[in-house]
Amino acid sequence: MPVVEREESRAGTELGASQKDTARELGAKLASLKGIVWVGVGLFVFGLASLVYPPLKVIVASVTTSAALLLGGLALMILPSLIVGNELLILGGVALAVGGWFLAHRHGQLRGTIAASTGTSTANPPTGPQQSAS
């Protein structure tokens, strides 16, 4: 009598919790981010680095400008999901605000340095032609 081997496998499914695939989930979330959000992440990291990294401290030259960079980065990360469709307007507004803040602080510091080196005061500039009291 011949010997017959038979193998049987059964598969079953159960409903309930399963292990998460966190790597794929994270990859999908990162892939779904818009380009403007990545610009916001970069701006935020640059602002954070300019608070602590000495060469960037010299370039930025102001703690408040670093804070403006941080806030601008946060705005670019959050606002595009709240105000959909106006990404370029948001980017332009943040660029104008942060760039204006940077230029105002740079220009103000330069003006104070020039005034200190020449011995003049910038507090009360002359308002018009001076008349002598003779």
Protein backbone atom coordinates (compact mmCIF):
# COMPACT_ATOMS: atom_id res chain seq x y z
CA MET A 1 0.00 0.00 0.00
CA PRO A 2 1.46 3.40 -1.03
CA VAL A 3 2.02 6.08 1.60
CA VAL A 4 0.41 9.42 0.76
CA GLU A 5 1.49 12.57 2.60
CA ARG A 6 -0.91 15.36 2.76
CA GLU A 7 -0.26 18.79 4.21
CA GLU A 8 -3.03 21.16 5.00
CA SER A 9 -2.66 24.80 6.04
CA ARG A 10 -5.41 27.01 7.23
CA ALA A 11 -5.36 30.79 7.35
CA GLY A 12 -7.69 32.86 9.38
CA THR A 13 -8.22 36.55 9.94
CA GLU A 14 -9.18 38.22 13.13
CA LEU A 15 -10.47 41.68 13.62
CA GLY A 16 -8.72 43.81 16.15
CA ALA A 17 -5.54 45.69 16.79
CA SER A 18 -2.54 44.99 14.65
CA GLN A 19 0.97 46.28 14.67
CA LYS A 20 1.42 49.66 13.09
CA ASP A 21 3.78 50.19 10.23
CA THR A 22 5.19 53.43 11.59
CA ALA A 23 7.89 53.82 8.97
CA ARG A 24 5.40 53.76 6.09
CA GLU A 25 2.97 55.94 7.99
CA LEU A 26 5.67 58.54 8.66
CA GLY A 27 6.84 58.35 5.05
CA ALA A 28 3.31 58.92 3.78
CA LYS A 29 2.84 61.92 6.06
CA LEU A 30 6.13 63.47 4.97
CA ALA A 31 5.35 62.84 1.30
CA SER A 32 1.98 64.56 1.59
CA LEU A 33 3.45 67.83 2.89
CA LYS A 34 3.36 70.75 0.48
CA GLY A 35 6.52 72.48 -0.66
CA ILE A 36 5.68 75.62 1.29
CA VAL A 37 5.62 73.58 4.49
CA TRP A 38 9.16 72.38 3.76
CA VAL A 39 10.19 76.02 3.30
CA GLY A 40 8.63 76.68 6.71
CA VAL A 41 10.55 73.81 8.26
CA GLY A 42 13.78 75.17 6.78
CA LEU A 43 13.06 78.69 8.00
CA PHE A 44 12.20 77.40 11.47
CA VAL A 45 15.42 75.34 11.68
CA PHE A 46 17.47 78.31 10.42
CA GLY A 47 15.88 80.58 13.05
CA LEU A 48 16.53 78.00 15.77
CA ALA A 49 20.12 77.55 14.63
CA SER A 50 20.68 81.32 14.51
CA LEU A 51 19.82 81.48 18.21
CA VAL A 52 22.62 79.11 19.25
CA TYR A 53 25.21 78.70 16.46
CA PRO A 54 27.84 81.49 16.68
CA PRO A 55 28.51 82.03 12.92
CA LEU A 56 24.78 82.42 12.29
CA LYS A 57 24.50 84.72 15.31
CA VAL A 58 26.98 87.03 13.58
CA ILE A 59 25.03 86.97 10.32
CA VAL A 60 21.61 87.54 11.90
CA ALA A 61 22.96 89.82 14.65
CA SER A 62 19.73 89.94 16.63
CA VAL A 63 17.81 87.62 18.91
CA THR A 64 14.55 89.24 17.87
CA THR A 65 15.30 88.57 14.20
CA SER A 66 15.90 84.91 15.10
CA ALA A 67 12.54 84.92 16.85
CA ALA A 68 10.95 86.45 13.74
CA LEU A 69 12.48 83.65 11.66
CA LEU A 70 11.06 81.07 14.08
CA LEU A 71 7.59 82.62 13.94
CA GLY A 72 7.75 82.91 10.15
CA GLY A 73 8.67 79.23 9.90
CA LEU A 74 5.80 78.28 12.18
CA ALA A 75 3.43 80.40 10.10
CA LEU A 76 4.56 78.65 6.91
CA MET A 77 4.05 75.26 8.52
CA ILE A 78 0.60 75.93 9.99
CA LEU A 79 -1.18 78.50 7.81
CA PRO A 80 -1.23 76.57 4.49
CA SER A 81 -3.38 73.87 6.08
CA LEU A 82 -5.71 76.46 7.62
CA ILE A 83 -6.01 78.78 4.61
CA VAL A 84 -5.99 76.44 1.62
CA GLY A 85 -5.34 77.89 -1.82
CA ASN A 86 -3.48 81.04 -0.78
CA GLU A 87 -0.02 79.58 -0.33
CA LEU A 88 1.74 82.22 -2.42
CA LEU A 89 0.03 85.01 -0.51
CA ILE A 90 1.11 83.44 2.79
CA LEU A 91 4.69 82.99 1.52
CA GLY A 92 4.82 86.59 0.33
CA GLY A 93 3.45 87.92 3.61
CA VAL A 94 5.93 85.94 5.69
CA ALA A 95 8.83 86.92 3.41
CA LEU A 96 7.82 90.58 3.62
CA ALA A 97 7.44 90.51 7.41
CA VAL A 98 10.65 88.60 8.20
CA GLY A 99 12.69 90.38 5.53
CA GLY A 100 11.41 93.78 6.67
CA TRP A 101 12.20 92.94 10.28
CA PHE A 102 15.73 91.86 9.31
CA LEU A 103 16.37 94.99 7.23
CA ALA A 104 14.94 97.29 9.88
CA HIS A 105 17.21 95.85 12.55
CA ARG A 106 20.24 95.85 10.25
CA HIS A 107 19.61 99.43 9.13
CA GLY A 108 18.90 100.63 12.66
CA GLN A 109 22.11 99.09 13.95
CA LEU A 110 24.11 100.62 11.09
CA ARG A 111 22.58 104.05 11.70
CA GLY A 112 23.46 103.85 15.40
CA THR A 113 27.02 102.78 14.59
CA ILE A 114 27.52 105.70 12.19
CA ALA A 115 26.04 108.15 14.70
CA ALA A 116 28.35 106.86 17.44
CA SER A 117 31.45 107.12 15.26
CA THR A 118 30.72 110.68 14.06
CA GLY A 119 29.51 111.95 17.42
CA THR A 120 26.12 113.09 16.11
CA SER A 121 22.78 112.29 17.62
CA THR A 122 20.00 110.62 15.63
CA ALA A 123 17.39 111.27 18.33
CA ASN A 124 16.38 114.77 17.13
CA PRO A 125 17.30 115.33 13.49
CA PRO A 126 16.98 118.89 12.14
CA THR A 127 13.48 119.61 10.86
CA GLY A 128 14.12 122.47 8.50
CA PRO A 129 16.26 125.55 7.81
CA GLN A 130 17.80 126.92 10.97
CA GLN A 131 17.25 130.60 11.77
CA SER A 132 19.67 132.51 13.91
CA ALA A 133 18.34 134.54 16.83
CA SER A 134 20.34 137.79 16.28
